[in-house]
Amino acid sequence: MLRHLLPVAIRRPFARYSHAVEVPAGARLLLVSGQLGISAQDDIPESAEAQADLCFAALAACLAEADMGVADIVRLNAYVTDRAHMAGYMAARDRFIADPPPASTLMIVSGFTRPEFKVEVEALAARRD
């Protein structure tokens, strides 16, 4: 259903993501708000990787609620508060995403609503039923 594009005319991706993903006409879209690294019990782990794992678990729960799965993710937008958190985020992301990988953007931001948050991830998913 989804078509992952890696045009030969441009540089290969820096990490595990697709340059573009085409969504066919008639597909359902799911837009998932940014998920922070906090558990249902309000626990916030110290490490960026553990926070990212919680972000991806929350994304998975949203996908499941819409009868979708990880393979339906078209795009991830992720935000970390420091370059030092990129490796932990990317390790968690690579454990979570399907093959072929979605389109993806990772940005370094100055912070979130609470200073203990280090990672936030949002997603766009599509599925033709």
Protein backbone atom coordinates (compact mmCIF):
# COMPACT_ATOMS: atom_id res chain seq x y z
CA MET A 1 0.00 0.00 0.00
CA LEU A 2 2.62 2.58 1.01
CA ARG A 3 5.42 3.31 -1.45
CA HIS A 4 8.78 4.20 0.15
CA LEU A 5 10.98 6.39 -2.03
CA LEU A 6 14.76 6.69 -2.06
CA PRO A 7 15.52 8.75 -5.19
CA VAL A 8 18.93 7.97 -6.68
CA ALA A 9 19.33 11.66 -7.59
CA ILE A 10 19.83 12.64 -3.94
CA ARG A 11 22.12 11.48 -1.13
CA ARG A 12 21.08 8.30 0.69
CA PRO A 13 19.50 8.90 4.11
CA PHE A 14 21.85 9.57 7.04
CA ALA A 15 20.08 6.99 9.19
CA ARG A 16 17.24 4.48 8.97
CA TYR A 17 14.46 6.45 7.28
CA SER A 18 12.93 6.91 3.83
CA HIS A 19 13.24 10.21 1.99
CA ALA A 20 9.53 10.05 1.12
CA VAL A 21 6.52 7.80 1.54
CA GLU A 22 3.61 7.89 -0.89
CA VAL A 23 0.12 7.29 0.53
CA PRO A 24 -2.41 5.94 -1.97
CA ALA A 25 -5.79 7.55 -2.55
CA GLY A 26 -8.51 6.31 -0.24
CA ALA A 27 -6.25 5.57 2.72
CA ARG A 28 -7.31 6.41 6.27
CA LEU A 29 -4.95 8.83 8.01
CA LEU A 30 -4.07 8.89 11.69
CA LEU A 31 -2.26 11.91 13.10
CA VAL A 32 -0.74 11.17 16.50
CA SER A 33 0.11 14.11 18.75
CA GLY A 34 3.56 14.42 20.22
CA GLN A 35 4.10 11.78 22.90
CA LEU A 36 6.44 12.46 25.79
CA GLY A 37 8.56 10.01 27.79
CA ILE A 38 6.17 9.57 30.70
CA SER A 39 4.43 6.40 31.87
CA ALA A 40 0.73 6.02 32.66
CA GLN A 41 1.80 6.19 36.34
CA ASP A 42 3.56 9.55 35.73
CA ASP A 43 7.06 8.07 35.94
CA ILE A 44 9.67 9.86 33.83
CA PRO A 45 12.90 7.91 33.28
CA GLU A 46 16.20 9.73 33.40
CA SER A 47 17.67 8.48 30.12
CA ALA A 48 16.60 9.79 26.73
CA GLU A 49 16.50 6.22 25.40
CA ALA A 50 14.08 5.07 28.11
CA GLN A 51 11.95 8.17 27.50
CA ALA A 52 11.95 7.41 23.76
CA ASP A 53 10.85 3.83 24.50
CA LEU A 54 7.85 5.28 26.36
CA CYS A 55 7.12 7.65 23.47
CA PHE A 56 7.08 4.72 21.05
CA ALA A 57 4.93 2.61 23.39
CA ALA A 58 2.41 5.48 23.45
CA LEU A 59 2.51 5.70 19.65
CA ALA A 60 1.92 1.94 19.44
CA ALA A 61 -1.11 2.27 21.74
CA CYS A 62 -2.56 5.04 19.56
CA LEU A 63 -1.96 2.96 16.43
CA ALA A 64 -3.63 -0.09 18.00
CA GLU A 65 -6.64 2.01 19.01
CA ALA A 66 -7.07 2.90 15.30
CA ASP A 67 -6.53 -0.73 14.17
CA MET A 68 -3.15 0.18 12.73
CA GLY A 69 0.38 -1.00 13.35
CA VAL A 70 3.97 0.18 13.15
CA ALA A 71 4.14 -0.67 9.43
CA ASP A 72 1.41 1.92 8.81
CA ILE A 73 3.59 4.81 10.02
CA VAL A 74 4.31 7.16 7.13
CA ARG A 75 6.27 9.83 9.00
CA LEU A 76 7.88 10.43 12.38
CA ASN A 77 8.76 13.85 13.73
CA ALA A 78 11.00 13.69 16.78
CA TYR A 79 12.45 16.31 19.07
CA VAL A 80 15.31 16.00 21.56
CA THR A 81 16.67 18.66 23.90
CA ASP A 82 20.37 17.99 23.27
CA ARG A 83 22.61 16.35 20.67
CA ALA A 84 23.72 14.00 23.46
CA HIS A 85 20.21 12.47 23.40
CA MET A 86 20.25 11.63 19.68
CA ALA A 87 21.93 8.23 20.04
CA GLY A 88 19.48 7.04 22.70
CA TYR A 89 16.52 8.27 20.69
CA MET A 90 17.80 6.62 17.51
CA ALA A 91 18.43 3.29 19.27
CA ALA A 92 14.83 3.26 20.55
CA ARG A 93 13.50 4.36 17.16
CA ASP A 94 15.40 1.66 15.30
CA ARG A 95 13.97 -1.02 17.64
CA PHE A 96 10.45 0.32 17.02
CA ILE A 97 10.11 1.15 13.32
CA ALA A 98 9.25 -1.33 10.59
CA ASP A 99 11.05 -2.04 7.33
CA PRO A 100 10.99 -0.19 5.09
CA PRO A 101 11.31 2.74 7.49
CA PRO A 102 9.04 5.81 7.42
CA ALA A 103 10.02 9.32 6.44
CA SER A 104 11.52 11.03 9.48
CA THR A 105 12.75 14.32 10.89
CA LEU A 106 14.77 14.77 14.09
CA MET A 107 15.18 18.24 15.58
CA ILE A 108 17.04 19.60 18.57
CA VAL A 109 14.82 21.95 20.58
CA SER A 110 15.36 24.13 23.62
CA GLY A 111 12.93 22.23 25.84
CA PHE A 112 9.44 20.95 26.56
CA THR A 113 6.69 21.75 29.07
CA ARG A 114 8.72 20.29 31.95
CA PRO A 115 12.52 20.33 32.17
CA GLU A 116 12.84 16.58 32.84
CA PHE A 117 11.47 15.71 29.38
CA LYS A 118 14.20 15.00 26.83
CA VAL A 119 12.30 13.43 23.91
CA GLU A 120 8.97 13.91 22.13
CA VAL A 121 7.75 11.96 19.10
CA GLU A 122 4.73 12.46 16.84
CA ALA A 123 3.56 10.32 13.95
CA LEU A 124 1.46 10.22 10.82
CA ALA A 125 0.08 6.82 9.82
CA ALA A 126 -1.97 5.70 6.84
CA ARG A 127 -3.83 2.54 5.99
CA ARG A 128 -6.18 1.44 3.25
CA ASP A 129 -8.81 -0.92 4.62
